[in-house]
Amino acid sequence: MADDLKTRDTAETTLEPDLRREQPLARVQALPWMIVILLIAAVAWLGWRAFFYQEEGDPVGSAMLAFEKQNSLTVFSSRFEVVAESVDTRGVLNIDLLESRQAAIIPASVEYRLDLSEMDRADFTWDPDGETLGVTLPQLQISRPNLDEGAQRVFTEGTYVSRDASADLARNNSQQAERKAAAFAKNPEILALARQAAKEAVRQNLAIPMQVAGYGDVEVDVRFADEP
Protein backbone atom coordinates (compact mmCIF):
# COMPACT_ATOMS: atom_id res chain seq x y z
CA MET A 1 0.00 0.00 0.00
CA ALA A 2 2.75 2.39 0.92
CA ASP A 3 4.59 1.42 -2.23
CA ASP A 4 1.47 2.19 -4.32
CA LEU A 5 1.11 5.64 -2.78
CA LYS A 6 4.75 6.36 -3.43
CA THR A 7 4.34 5.33 -7.04
CA ARG A 8 1.25 7.54 -7.48
CA ASP A 9 2.99 10.48 -5.88
CA THR A 10 5.97 10.04 -8.14
CA ALA A 11 3.72 9.97 -11.24
CA GLU A 12 1.90 13.12 -10.17
CA THR A 13 5.19 14.81 -9.48
CA THR A 14 6.41 13.82 -12.95
CA LEU A 15 3.24 15.02 -14.78
CA GLU A 16 3.03 18.38 -13.00
CA PRO A 17 6.24 19.85 -14.51
CA ASP A 18 5.20 18.58 -17.95
CA LEU A 19 1.90 20.43 -17.70
CA ARG A 20 3.72 23.57 -16.62
CA ARG A 21 5.98 23.34 -19.66
CA GLU A 22 3.08 22.72 -22.08
CA GLN A 23 1.08 25.75 -20.94
CA PRO A 24 3.86 28.35 -21.54
CA LEU A 25 4.66 26.59 -24.84
CA ALA A 26 1.04 26.97 -26.00
CA ARG A 27 1.14 30.65 -25.12
CA VAL A 28 4.37 31.10 -27.07
CA GLN A 29 2.93 29.35 -30.12
CA ALA A 30 -0.28 31.43 -30.02
CA LEU A 31 1.58 34.76 -29.79
CA PRO A 32 2.61 34.97 -33.50
CA TRP A 33 -0.97 34.25 -34.58
CA MET A 34 -2.25 37.02 -32.33
CA ILE A 35 0.25 39.43 -33.88
CA VAL A 36 -0.84 38.41 -37.41
CA ILE A 37 -4.52 38.92 -36.52
CA LEU A 38 -3.79 42.35 -35.09
CA LEU A 39 -1.82 43.32 -38.21
CA ILE A 40 -4.67 42.21 -40.48
CA ALA A 41 -7.14 44.23 -38.44
CA ALA A 42 -4.87 47.29 -38.59
CA VAL A 43 -4.45 47.02 -42.37
CA ALA A 44 -8.21 46.61 -42.85
CA TRP A 45 -8.88 49.69 -40.72
CA LEU A 46 -6.29 51.75 -42.60
CA GLY A 47 -7.73 50.65 -45.95
CA TRP A 48 -11.24 51.58 -44.86
CA ARG A 49 -10.00 54.90 -43.57
CA ALA A 50 -8.12 55.68 -46.77
CA PHE A 51 -10.75 54.64 -49.33
CA PHE A 52 -14.21 54.52 -47.76
CA TYR A 53 -14.27 56.82 -44.75
CA GLN A 54 -16.07 60.12 -45.09
CA GLU A 55 -17.61 62.67 -42.82
CA GLU A 56 -21.15 61.54 -42.07
CA GLY A 57 -23.71 63.31 -44.23
CA ASP A 58 -21.15 64.71 -46.68
CA PRO A 59 -21.66 63.05 -50.10
CA VAL A 60 -19.67 65.83 -51.79
CA GLY A 61 -16.71 64.99 -49.58
CA SER A 62 -17.07 61.32 -50.55
CA ALA A 63 -17.09 62.21 -54.26
CA MET A 64 -14.02 64.43 -53.90
CA LEU A 65 -12.24 61.66 -52.00
CA ALA A 66 -12.85 59.28 -54.92
CA PHE A 67 -11.22 61.79 -57.28
CA GLU A 68 -8.26 62.50 -55.00
CA LYS A 69 -6.90 59.02 -55.78
CA GLN A 70 -6.29 59.93 -59.45
CA ASN A 71 -5.01 63.30 -60.66
CA SER A 72 -5.63 62.61 -64.34
CA LEU A 73 -8.22 60.44 -66.08
CA THR A 74 -7.82 59.31 -69.71
CA VAL A 75 -11.38 59.11 -71.04
CA PHE A 76 -11.02 58.63 -74.78
CA SER A 77 -8.46 57.83 -77.47
CA SER A 78 -8.72 58.23 -81.22
CA ARG A 79 -6.64 56.54 -83.90
CA PHE A 80 -6.75 57.66 -87.52
CA GLU A 81 -4.58 58.21 -90.58
CA VAL A 82 -3.36 61.51 -92.02
CA VAL A 83 -2.03 62.17 -95.50
CA ALA A 84 0.94 64.48 -96.04
CA GLU A 85 2.60 65.49 -99.29
CA SER A 86 5.79 67.48 -99.92
CA VAL A 87 7.72 68.64 -102.96
CA ASP A 88 11.49 69.17 -103.09
CA THR A 89 13.32 71.05 -105.82
CA ARG A 90 17.08 70.97 -106.32
CA GLY A 91 19.03 73.10 -108.79
CA VAL A 92 22.19 74.97 -109.64
CA LEU A 93 22.46 78.76 -110.05
CA ASN A 94 18.76 79.20 -109.33
CA ILE A 95 17.88 76.80 -112.11
CA ASP A 96 15.58 74.01 -111.02
CA LEU A 97 16.97 70.77 -112.32
CA LEU A 98 15.50 68.07 -110.12
CA GLU A 99 12.06 67.88 -108.61
CA SER A 100 10.87 65.11 -106.33
CA ARG A 101 7.57 64.53 -104.65
CA GLN A 102 6.73 62.34 -101.67
CA ALA A 103 3.33 61.45 -100.22
CA ALA A 104 2.92 59.63 -96.92
CA ILE A 105 -0.05 58.04 -95.17
CA ILE A 106 0.81 58.06 -91.46
CA PRO A 107 -1.20 56.48 -88.61
CA ALA A 108 -1.72 58.86 -85.70
CA SER A 109 -3.39 58.71 -82.29
CA VAL A 110 -4.41 61.25 -79.67
CA GLU A 111 -5.72 60.91 -76.11
CA TYR A 112 -8.30 63.02 -74.30
CA ARG A 113 -7.81 63.53 -70.56
CA LEU A 114 -9.49 65.20 -67.61
CA ASP A 115 -7.28 67.04 -65.13
CA LEU A 116 -9.06 66.14 -61.89
CA SER A 117 -6.56 68.08 -59.78
CA GLU A 118 -8.21 71.31 -60.99
CA MET A 119 -11.56 70.37 -59.45
CA ASP A 120 -12.64 71.70 -56.06
CA ARG A 121 -15.75 71.61 -53.89
CA ALA A 122 -17.50 74.25 -56.00
CA ASP A 123 -17.60 71.77 -58.90
CA PHE A 124 -19.88 69.39 -56.93
CA THR A 125 -23.48 69.82 -55.83
CA TRP A 126 -25.78 67.52 -53.85
CA ASP A 127 -29.56 67.35 -54.11
CA PRO A 128 -30.73 65.35 -51.06
CA ASP A 129 -34.35 65.17 -52.24
CA GLY A 130 -33.53 63.68 -55.62
CA GLU A 131 -30.38 61.93 -54.33
CA THR A 132 -28.49 63.45 -57.26
CA LEU A 133 -24.82 64.38 -57.31
CA GLY A 134 -24.00 67.14 -59.80
CA VAL A 135 -20.48 67.32 -61.23
CA THR A 136 -19.06 70.12 -63.40
CA LEU A 137 -16.02 69.01 -65.39
CA PRO A 138 -13.08 71.09 -66.63
CA GLN A 139 -12.33 71.23 -70.34
CA LEU A 140 -10.78 68.19 -71.95
CA GLN A 141 -7.05 68.19 -72.52
CA ILE A 142 -5.87 66.78 -75.86
CA SER A 143 -2.49 65.12 -76.00
CA ARG A 144 0.11 65.86 -78.65
CA PRO A 145 -0.48 63.56 -81.64
CA ASN A 146 1.56 60.38 -81.59
CA LEU A 147 2.69 59.54 -85.14
CA ASP A 148 3.42 55.89 -85.90
CA GLU A 149 5.98 56.63 -88.59
CA GLY A 150 7.21 53.06 -88.50
CA ALA A 151 3.88 51.98 -90.02
CA GLN A 152 3.59 54.78 -92.59
CA ARG A 153 3.16 54.13 -96.31
CA VAL A 154 5.37 56.28 -98.51
CA PHE A 155 5.06 57.04 -102.24
CA THR A 156 7.93 58.91 -103.95
CA GLU A 157 8.10 60.39 -107.45
CA GLY A 158 11.14 61.84 -109.16
CA THR A 159 13.85 61.00 -111.68
CA TYR A 160 16.52 61.17 -109.02
CA VAL A 161 15.94 61.66 -105.31
CA SER A 162 19.09 62.45 -103.38
CA ARG A 163 19.64 61.48 -99.76
CA ASP A 164 19.26 65.11 -98.62
CA ALA A 165 16.09 65.54 -100.65
CA SER A 166 14.62 62.33 -99.19
CA ALA A 167 15.41 63.49 -95.64
CA ASP A 168 13.83 66.90 -96.25
CA LEU A 169 10.71 65.35 -97.75
CA ALA A 170 10.30 62.97 -94.79
CA ARG A 171 10.81 65.76 -92.25
CA ASN A 172 8.32 68.05 -93.98
CA ASN A 173 5.76 65.28 -94.17
CA SER A 174 6.14 64.50 -90.46
CA GLN A 175 5.62 68.15 -89.48
CA GLN A 176 2.66 68.43 -91.82
CA ALA A 177 1.14 65.19 -90.50
CA GLU A 178 1.40 66.38 -86.88
CA ARG A 179 -0.38 69.64 -87.70
CA LYS A 180 -3.14 67.81 -89.55
CA ALA A 181 -3.54 65.29 -86.73
CA ALA A 182 -3.81 68.07 -84.14
CA ALA A 183 -6.48 69.78 -86.25
CA PHE A 184 -8.39 66.53 -86.74
CA ALA A 185 -8.35 65.86 -82.99
CA LYS A 186 -10.36 69.08 -82.51
CA ASN A 187 -13.00 68.03 -85.02
CA PRO A 188 -16.42 68.75 -83.46
CA GLU A 189 -17.66 65.19 -84.04
CA ILE A 190 -14.57 63.65 -82.44
CA LEU A 191 -14.76 66.11 -79.54
CA ALA A 192 -18.42 65.23 -78.98
CA LEU A 193 -17.51 61.55 -78.72
CA ALA A 194 -14.69 62.34 -76.29
CA ARG A 195 -16.90 64.51 -74.10
CA GLN A 196 -19.60 61.84 -73.94
CA ALA A 197 -16.97 59.25 -73.00
CA ALA A 198 -15.69 61.60 -70.28
CA LYS A 199 -19.16 61.90 -68.75
CA GLU A 200 -19.67 58.14 -68.72
CA ALA A 201 -16.24 57.57 -67.18
CA VAL A 202 -16.93 60.06 -64.39
CA ARG A 203 -20.36 58.53 -63.68
CA GLN A 204 -18.81 55.09 -63.35
CA ASN A 205 -15.95 56.39 -61.21
CA LEU A 206 -18.37 58.02 -58.76
CA ALA A 207 -21.44 55.78 -58.68
CA ILE A 208 -19.74 52.76 -57.12
CA PRO A 209 -17.77 54.69 -54.43
CA MET A 210 -20.98 56.49 -53.45
CA GLN A 211 -22.75 53.14 -53.02
CA VAL A 212 -19.84 51.78 -50.97
CA ALA A 213 -19.95 54.92 -48.82
CA GLY A 214 -23.57 54.10 -47.94
CA TYR A 215 -25.50 56.59 -50.09
CA GLY A 216 -27.30 53.95 -52.14
CA ASP A 217 -28.08 54.17 -55.84
CA VAL A 218 -27.09 57.80 -56.38
CA GLU A 219 -27.76 59.49 -59.73
CA VAL A 220 -24.63 61.26 -61.00
CA ASP A 221 -25.39 64.22 -63.30
CA VAL A 222 -22.25 65.23 -65.21
CA ARG A 223 -21.74 68.25 -67.47
CA PHE A 224 -18.96 70.46 -68.75
CA ALA A 225 -18.56 74.05 -67.61
CA ASP A 226 -19.62 75.42 -71.03
CA GLU A 227 -22.86 73.41 -71.05
CA PRO A 228 -26.14 74.78 -69.66
C-alpha atoms as a PDB file:
ATOM      1  CA  MET A   1       0.000   0.000   0.000  1.00  0.00           C
ATOM      2  CA  ALA A   2       2.753   2.392   0.920  1.00  0.00           C
ATOM      3  CA  ASP A   3       4.587   1.422  -2.230  1.00  0.00           C
ATOM      4  CA  ASP A   4       1.466   2.193  -4.325  1.00  0.00           C
ATOM      5  CA  LEU A   5       1.109   5.641  -2.785  1.00  0.00           C
ATOM      6  CA  LYS A   6       4.746   6.355  -3.426  1.00  0.00           C
ATOM      7  CA  THR A   7       4.345   5.333  -7.044  1.00  0.00           C
ATOM      8  CA  ARG A   8       1.253   7.544  -7.478  1.00  0.00           C
ATOM      9  CA  ASP A   9       2.992  10.484  -5.882  1.00  0.00           C
ATOM     10  CA  THR A  10       5.968  10.040  -8.144  1.00  0.00           C
ATOM     11  CA  ALA A  11       3.723   9.974 -11.242  1.00  0.00           C
ATOM     12  CA  GLU A  12       1.896  13.116 -10.173  1.00  0.00           C
ATOM     13  CA  THR A  13       5.192  14.808  -9.484  1.00  0.00           C
ATOM     14  CA  THR A  14       6.412  13.824 -12.949  1.00  0.00           C
ATOM     15  CA  LEU A  15       3.242  15.021 -14.775  1.00  0.00           C
ATOM     16  CA  GLU A  16       3.027  18.380 -13.001  1.00  0.00           C
ATOM     17  CA  PRO A  17       6.244  19.853 -14.506  1.00  0.00           C
ATOM     18  CA  ASP A  18       5.204  18.580 -17.948  1.00  0.00           C
ATOM     19  CA  LEU A  19       1.899  20.429 -17.701  1.00  0.00           C
ATOM     20  CA  ARG A  20       3.715  23.572 -16.617  1.00  0.00           C
ATOM     21  CA  ARG A  21       5.977  23.339 -19.659  1.00  0.00           C
ATOM     22  CA  GLU A  22       3.079  22.724 -22.079  1.00  0.00           C
ATOM     23  CA  GLN A  23       1.076  25.749 -20.935  1.00  0.00           C
ATOM     24  CA  PRO A  24       3.864  28.347 -21.536  1.00  0.00           C
ATOM     25  CA  LEU A  25       4.658  26.588 -24.840  1.00  0.00           C
ATOM     26  CA  ALA A  26       1.036  26.965 -25.999  1.00  0.00           C
ATOM     27  CA  ARG A  27       1.136  30.650 -25.120  1.00  0.00           C
ATOM     28  CA  VAL A  28       4.371  31.101 -27.073  1.00  0.00           C
ATOM     29  CA  GLN A  29       2.926  29.350 -30.123  1.00  0.00           C
ATOM     30  CA  ALA A  30      -0.284  31.430 -30.020  1.00  0.00           C
ATOM     31  CA  LEU A  31       1.581  34.757 -29.792  1.00  0.00           C
ATOM     32  CA  PRO A  32       2.608  34.967 -33.498  1.00  0.00           C
ATOM     33  CA  TRP A  33      -0.971  34.252 -34.576  1.00  0.00           C
ATOM     34  CA  MET A  34      -2.253  37.024 -32.327  1.00  0.00           C
ATOM     35  CA  ILE A  35       0.253  39.432 -33.880  1.00  0.00           C
ATOM     36  CA  VAL A  36      -0.844  38.407 -37.407  1.00  0.00           C
ATOM     37  CA  ILE A  37      -4.520  38.918 -36.519  1.00  0.00           C
ATOM     38  CA  LEU A  38      -3.790  42.353 -35.087  1.00  0.00           C
ATOM     39  CA  LEU A  39      -1.822  43.319 -38.206  1.00  0.00           C
ATOM     40  CA  ILE A  40      -4.667  42.206 -40.485  1.00  0.00           C
ATOM     41  CA  ALA A  41      -7.138  44.227 -38.439  1.00  0.00           C
ATOM     42  CA  ALA A  42      -4.869  47.293 -38.587  1.00  0.00           C
ATOM     43  CA  VAL A  43      -4.446  47.016 -42.367  1.00  0.00           C
ATOM     44  CA  ALA A  44      -8.207  46.614 -42.849  1.00  0.00           C
ATOM     45  CA  TRP A  45      -8.884  49.692 -40.724  1.00  0.00           C
ATOM     46  CA  LEU A  46      -6.289  51.755 -42.602  1.00  0.00           C
ATOM     47  CA  GLY A  47      -7.726  50.648 -45.947  1.00  0.00           C
ATOM     48  CA  TRP A  48     -11.239  51.578 -44.859  1.00  0.00           C
ATOM     49  CA  ARG A  49      -9.999  54.898 -43.565  1.00  0.00           C
ATOM     50  CA  ALA A  50      -8.120  55.680 -46.770  1.00  0.00           C
ATOM     51  CA  PHE A  51     -10.747  54.639 -49.327  1.00  0.00           C
ATOM     52  CA  PHE A  52     -14.206  54.520 -47.765  1.00  0.00           C
ATOM     53  CA  TYR A  53     -14.270  56.823 -44.751  1.00  0.00           C
ATOM     54  CA  GLN A  54     -16.068  60.120 -45.089  1.00  0.00           C
ATOM     55  CA  GLU A  55     -17.610  62.669 -42.820  1.00  0.00           C
ATOM     56  CA  GLU A  56     -21.145  61.540 -42.073  1.00  0.00           C
ATOM     57  CA  GLY A  57     -23.713  63.307 -44.232  1.00  0.00           C
ATOM     58  CA  ASP A  58     -21.148  64.709 -46.679  1.00  0.00           C
ATOM     59  CA  PRO A  59     -21.658  63.052 -50.101  1.00  0.00           C
ATOM     60  CA  VAL A  60     -19.669  65.834 -51.794  1.00  0.00           C
ATOM     61  CA  GLY A  61     -16.712  64.989 -49.584  1.00  0.00           C
ATOM     62  CA  SER A  62     -17.071  61.324 -50.546  1.00  0.00           C
ATOM     63  CA  ALA A  63     -17.093  62.209 -54.257  1.00  0.00           C
ATOM     64  CA  MET A  64     -14.019  64.426 -53.896  1.00  0.00           C
ATOM     65  CA  LEU A  65     -12.243  61.662 -51.995  1.00  0.00           C
ATOM     66  CA  ALA A  66     -12.851  59.284 -54.917  1.00  0.00           C
ATOM     67  CA  PHE A  67     -11.218  61.791 -57.281  1.00  0.00           C
ATOM     68  CA  GLU A  68      -8.263  62.497 -55.003  1.00  0.00           C
ATOM     69  CA  LYS A  69      -6.897  59.019 -55.778  1.00  0.00           C
ATOM     70  CA  GLN A  70      -6.295  59.931 -59.454  1.00  0.00           C
ATOM     71  CA  ASN A  71      -5.011  63.299 -60.660  1.00  0.00           C
ATOM     72  CA  SER A  72      -5.631  62.608 -64.343  1.00  0.00           C
ATOM     73  CA  LEU A  73      -8.217  60.437 -66.083  1.00  0.00           C
ATOM     74  CA  THR A  74      -7.825  59.310 -69.709  1.00  0.00           C
ATOM     75  CA  VAL A  75     -11.379  59.108 -71.039  1.00  0.00           C
ATOM     76  CA  PHE A  76     -11.021  58.625 -74.784  1.00  0.00           C
ATOM     77  CA  SER A  77      -8.456  57.829 -77.471  1.00  0.00           C
ATOM     78  CA  SER A  78      -8.723  58.229 -81.221  1.00  0.00           C
ATOM     79  CA  ARG A  79      -6.639  56.539 -83.896  1.00  0.00           C
ATOM     80  CA  PHE A  80      -6.746  57.659 -87.516  1.00  0.00           C
ATOM     81  CA  GLU A  81      -4.577  58.214 -90.584  1.00  0.00           C
ATOM     82  CA  VAL A  82      -3.362  61.512 -92.021  1.00  0.00           C
ATOM     83  CA  VAL A  83      -2.027  62.174 -95.502  1.00  0.00           C
ATOM     84  CA  ALA A  84       0.945  64.483 -96.036  1.00  0.00           C
ATOM     85  CA  GLU A  85       2.602  65.486 -99.295  1.00  0.00           C
ATOM     86  CA  SER A  86       5.788  67.477 -99.918  1.00  0.00           C
ATOM     87  CA  VAL A  87       7.719  68.641-102.958  1.00  0.00           C
ATOM     88  CA  ASP A  88      11.491  69.171-103.086  1.00  0.00           C
ATOM     89  CA  THR A  89      13.321  71.047-105.823  1.00  0.00           C
ATOM     90  CA  ARG A  90      17.076  70.975-106.323  1.00  0.00           C
ATOM     91  CA  GLY A  91      19.027  73.097-108.785  1.00  0.00           C
ATOM     92  CA  VAL A  92      22.185  74.973-109.641  1.00  0.00           C
ATOM     93  CA  LEU A  93      22.465  78.761-110.053  1.00  0.00           C
ATOM     94  CA  ASN A  94      18.762  79.203-109.329  1.00  0.00           C
ATOM     95  CA  ILE A  95      17.877  76.802-112.108  1.00  0.00           C
ATOM     96  CA  ASP A  96      15.579  74.007-111.016  1.00  0.00           C
ATOM     97  CA  LEU A  97      16.974  70.772-112.320  1.00  0.00           C
ATOM     98  CA  LEU A  98      15.503  68.066-110.115  1.00  0.00           C
ATOM     99  CA  GLU A  99      12.062  67.884-108.611  1.00  0.00           C
ATOM    100  CA  SER A 100      10.868  65.106-106.334  1.00  0.00           C
ATOM    101  CA  ARG A 101       7.573  64.526-104.648  1.00  0.00           C
ATOM    102  CA  GLN A 102       6.728  62.343-101.672  1.00  0.00           C
ATOM    103  CA  ALA A 103       3.332  61.446-100.224  1.00  0.00           C
ATOM    104  CA  ALA A 104       2.915  59.629 -96.924  1.00  0.00           C
ATOM    105  CA  ILE A 105      -0.050  58.038 -95.165  1.00  0.00           C
ATOM    106  CA  ILE A 106       0.813  58.065 -91.461  1.00  0.00           C
ATOM    107  CA  PRO A 107      -1.202  56.476 -88.606  1.00  0.00           C
ATOM    108  CA  ALA A 108      -1.718  58.857 -85.703  1.00  0.00           C
ATOM    109  CA  SER A 109      -3.385  58.711 -82.289  1.00  0.00           C
ATOM    110  CA  VAL A 110      -4.415  61.249 -79.668  1.00  0.00           C
ATOM    111  CA  GLU A 111      -5.719  60.915 -76.108  1.00  0.00           C
ATOM    112  CA  TYR A 112      -8.295  63.019 -74.297  1.00  0.00           C
ATOM    113  CA  ARG A 113      -7.811  63.525 -70.561  1.00  0.00           C
ATOM    114  CA  LEU A 114      -9.493  65.202 -67.607  1.00  0.00           C
ATOM    115  CA  ASP A 115      -7.279  67.041 -65.129  1.00  0.00           C
ATOM    116  CA  LEU A 116      -9.064  66.144 -61.892  1.00  0.00           C
ATOM    117  CA  SER A 117      -6.555  68.082 -59.782  1.00  0.00           C
ATOM    118  CA  GLU A 118      -8.212  71.308 -60.991  1.00  0.00           C
ATOM    119  CA  MET A 119     -11.563  70.372 -59.453  1.00  0.00           C
ATOM    120  CA  ASP A 120     -12.642  71.696 -56.059  1.00  0.00           C
ATOM    121  CA  ARG A 121     -15.752  71.614 -53.889  1.00  0.00           C
ATOM    122  CA  ALA A 122     -17.497  74.253 -55.999  1.00  0.00           C
ATOM    123  CA  ASP A 123     -17.603  71.770 -58.900  1.00  0.00           C
ATOM    124  CA  PHE A 124     -19.878  69.394 -56.930  1.00  0.00           C
ATOM    125  CA  THR A 125     -23.483  69.820 -55.828  1.00  0.00           C
ATOM    126  CA  TRP A 126     -25.780  67.521 -53.853  1.00  0.00           C
ATOM    127  CA  ASP A 127     -29.564  67.346 -54.109  1.00  0.00           C
ATOM    128  CA  PRO A 128     -30.729  65.347 -51.060  1.00  0.00           C
ATOM    129  CA  ASP A 129     -34.351  65.169 -52.239  1.00  0.00           C
ATOM    130  CA  GLY A 130     -33.527  63.678 -55.616  1.00  0.00           C
ATOM    131  CA  GLU A 131     -30.383  61.929 -54.333  1.00  0.00           C
ATOM    132  CA  THR A 132     -28.493  63.451 -57.256  1.00  0.00           C
ATOM    133  CA  LEU A 133     -24.817  64.379 -57.307  1.00  0.00           C
ATOM    134  CA  GLY A 134     -23.998  67.141 -59.797  1.00  0.00           C
ATOM    135  CA  VAL A 135     -20.482  67.325 -61.234  1.00  0.00           C
ATOM    136  CA  THR A 136     -19.062  70.121 -63.404  1.00  0.00           C
ATOM    137  CA  LEU A 137     -16.025  69.015 -65.393  1.00  0.00           C
ATOM    138  CA  PRO A 138     -13.083  71.091 -66.633  1.00  0.00           C
ATOM    139  CA  GLN A 139     -12.334  71.231 -70.345  1.00  0.00           C
ATOM    140  CA  LEU A 140     -10.781  68.188 -71.946  1.00  0.00           C
ATOM    141  CA  GLN A 141      -7.054  68.187 -72.524  1.00  0.00           C
ATOM    142  CA  ILE A 142      -5.871  66.779 -75.863  1.00  0.00           C
ATOM    143  CA  SER A 143      -2.486  65.116 -76.002  1.00  0.00           C
ATOM    144  CA  ARG A 144       0.109  65.864 -78.646  1.00  0.00           C
ATOM    145  CA  PRO A 145      -0.480  63.559 -81.643  1.00  0.00           C
ATOM    146  CA  ASN A 146       1.556  60.383 -81.592  1.00  0.00           C
ATOM    147  CA  LEU A 147       2.693  59.537 -85.141  1.00  0.00           C
ATOM    148  CA  ASP A 148       3.417  55.889 -85.903  1.00  0.00           C
ATOM    149  CA  GLU A 149       5.980  56.627 -88.593  1.00  0.00           C
ATOM    150  CA  GLY A 150       7.207  53.058 -88.505  1.00  0.00           C
ATOM    151  CA  ALA A 151       3.882  51.976 -90.025  1.00  0.00           C
ATOM    152  CA  GLN A 152       3.592  54.780 -92.593  1.00  0.00           C
ATOM    153  CA  ARG A 153       3.158  54.131 -96.311  1.00  0.00           C
ATOM    154  CA  VAL A 154       5.370  56.278 -98.514  1.00  0.00           C
ATOM    155  CA  PHE A 155       5.062  57.039-102.240  1.00  0.00           C
ATOM    156  CA  THR A 156       7.925  58.910-103.947  1.00  0.00           C
ATOM    157  CA  GLU A 157       8.101  60.386-107.447  1.00  0.00           C
ATOM    158  CA  GLY A 158      11.141  61.842-109.163  1.00  0.00           C
ATOM    159  CA  THR A 159      13.852  61.001-111.675  1.00  0.00           C
ATOM    160  CA  TYR A 160      16.521  61.166-109.021  1.00  0.00           C
ATOM    161  CA  VAL A 161      15.937  61.662-105.306  1.00  0.00           C
ATOM    162  CA  SER A 162      19.095  62.448-103.376  1.00  0.00           C
ATOM    163  CA  ARG A 163      19.643  61.482 -99.764  1.00  0.00           C
ATOM    164  CA  ASP A 164      19.260  65.107 -98.620  1.00  0.00           C
ATOM    165  CA  ALA A 165      16.087  65.539-100.653  1.00  0.00           C
ATOM    166  CA  SER A 166      14.620  62.332 -99.193  1.00  0.00           C
ATOM    167  CA  ALA A 167      15.413  63.487 -95.642  1.00  0.00           C
ATOM    168  CA  ASP A 168      13.829  66.900 -96.247  1.00  0.00           C
ATOM    169  CA  LEU A 169      10.713  65.348 -97.751  1.00  0.00           C
ATOM    170  CA  ALA A 170      10.298  62.967 -94.794  1.00  0.00           C
ATOM    171  CA  ARG A 171      10.814  65.755 -92.247  1.00  0.00           C
ATOM    172  CA  ASN A 172       8.323  68.055 -93.976  1.00  0.00           C
ATOM    173  CA  ASN A 173       5.763  65.275 -94.171  1.00  0.00           C
ATOM    174  CA  SER A 174       6.138  64.502 -90.460  1.00  0.00           C
ATOM    175  CA  GLN A 175       5.618  68.149 -89.482  1.00  0.00           C
ATOM    176  CA  GLN A 176       2.658  68.427 -91.822  1.00  0.00           C
ATOM    177  CA  ALA A 177       1.137  65.193 -90.496  1.00  0.00           C
ATOM    178  CA  GLU A 178       1.397  66.375 -86.881  1.00  0.00           C
ATOM    179  CA  ARG A 179      -0.379  69.645 -87.701  1.00  0.00           C
ATOM    180  CA  LYS A 180      -3.138  67.815 -89.553  1.00  0.00           C
ATOM    181  CA  ALA A 181      -3.539  65.291 -86.728  1.00  0.00           C
ATOM    182  CA  ALA A 182      -3.813  68.070 -84.143  1.00  0.00           C
ATOM    183  CA  ALA A 183      -6.484  69.779 -86.247  1.00  0.00           C
ATOM    184  CA  PHE A 184      -8.387  66.528 -86.744  1.00  0.00           C
ATOM    185  CA  ALA A 185      -8.352  65.862 -82.990  1.00  0.00           C
ATOM    186  CA  LYS A 186     -10.358  69.075 -82.507  1.00  0.00           C
ATOM    187  CA  ASN A 187     -12.997  68.029 -85.021  1.00  0.00           C
ATOM    188  CA  PRO A 188     -16.423  68.752 -83.456  1.00  0.00           C
ATOM    189  CA  GLU A 189     -17.658  65.195 -84.037  1.00  0.00           C
ATOM    190  CA  ILE A 190     -14.568  63.654 -82.437  1.00  0.00           C
ATOM    191  CA  LEU A 191     -14.758  66.111 -79.535  1.00  0.00           C
ATOM    192  CA  ALA A 192     -18.422  65.228 -78.979  1.00  0.00           C
ATOM    193  CA  LEU A 193     -17.509  61.547 -78.716  1.00  0.00           C
ATOM    194  CA  ALA A 194     -14.691  62.345 -76.292  1.00  0.00           C
ATOM    195  CA  ARG A 195     -16.901  64.513 -74.100  1.00  0.00           C
ATOM    196  CA  GLN A 196     -19.600  61.842 -73.940  1.00  0.00           C
ATOM    197  CA  ALA A 197     -16.965  59.251 -72.999  1.00  0.00           C
ATOM    198  CA  ALA A 198     -15.693  61.602 -70.281  1.00  0.00           C
ATOM    199  CA  LYS A 199     -19.164  61.905 -68.751  1.00  0.00           C
ATOM    200  CA  GLU A 200     -19.673  58.144 -68.724  1.00  0.00           C
ATOM    201  CA  ALA A 201     -16.241  57.572 -67.183  1.00  0.00           C
ATOM    202  CA  VAL A 202     -16.932  60.060 -64.386  1.00  0.00           C
ATOM    203  CA  ARG A 203     -20.359  58.530 -63.684  1.00  0.00           C
ATOM    204  CA  GLN A 204     -18.807  55.092 -63.353  1.00  0.00           C
ATOM    205  CA  ASN A 205     -15.950  56.395 -61.206  1.00  0.00           C
ATOM    206  CA  LEU A 206     -18.367  58.024 -58.761  1.00  0.00           C
ATOM    207  CA  ALA A 207     -21.440  55.783 -58.681  1.00  0.00           C
ATOM    208  CA  ILE A 208     -19.738  52.763 -57.122  1.00  0.00           C
ATOM    209  CA  PRO A 209     -17.772  54.692 -54.435  1.00  0.00           C
ATOM    210  CA  MET A 210     -20.980  56.485 -53.449  1.00  0.00           C
ATOM    211  CA  GLN A 211     -22.749  53.138 -53.022  1.00  0.00           C
ATOM    212  CA  VAL A 212     -19.844  51.784 -50.968  1.00  0.00           C
ATOM    213  CA  ALA A 213     -19.950  54.918 -48.820  1.00  0.00           C
ATOM    214  CA  GLY A 214     -23.567  54.104 -47.938  1.00  0.00           C
ATOM    215  CA  TYR A 215     -25.501  56.590 -50.086  1.00  0.00           C
ATOM    216  CA  GLY A 216     -27.297  53.949 -52.140  1.00  0.00           C
ATOM    217  CA  ASP A 217     -28.082  54.168 -55.844  1.00  0.00           C
ATOM    218  CA  VAL A 218     -27.094  57.800 -56.378  1.00  0.00           C
ATOM    219  CA  GLU A 219     -27.756  59.488 -59.726  1.00  0.00           C
ATOM    220  CA  VAL A 220     -24.629  61.264 -61.003  1.00  0.00           C
ATOM    221  CA  ASP A 221     -25.394  64.217 -63.298  1.00  0.00           C
ATOM    222  CA  VAL A 222     -22.250  65.234 -65.212  1.00  0.00           C
ATOM    223  CA  ARG A 223     -21.745  68.254 -67.469  1.00  0.00           C
ATOM    224  CA  PHE A 224     -18.959  70.461 -68.746  1.00  0.00           C
ATOM    225  CA  ALA A 225     -18.564  74.048 -67.613  1.00  0.00           C
ATOM    226  CA  ASP A 226     -19.616  75.417 -71.031  1.00  0.00           C
ATOM    227  CA  GLU A 227     -22.857  73.406 -71.053  1.00  0.00           C
ATOM    228  CA  PRO A 228     -26.139  74.782 -69.662  1.00  0.00           C
END
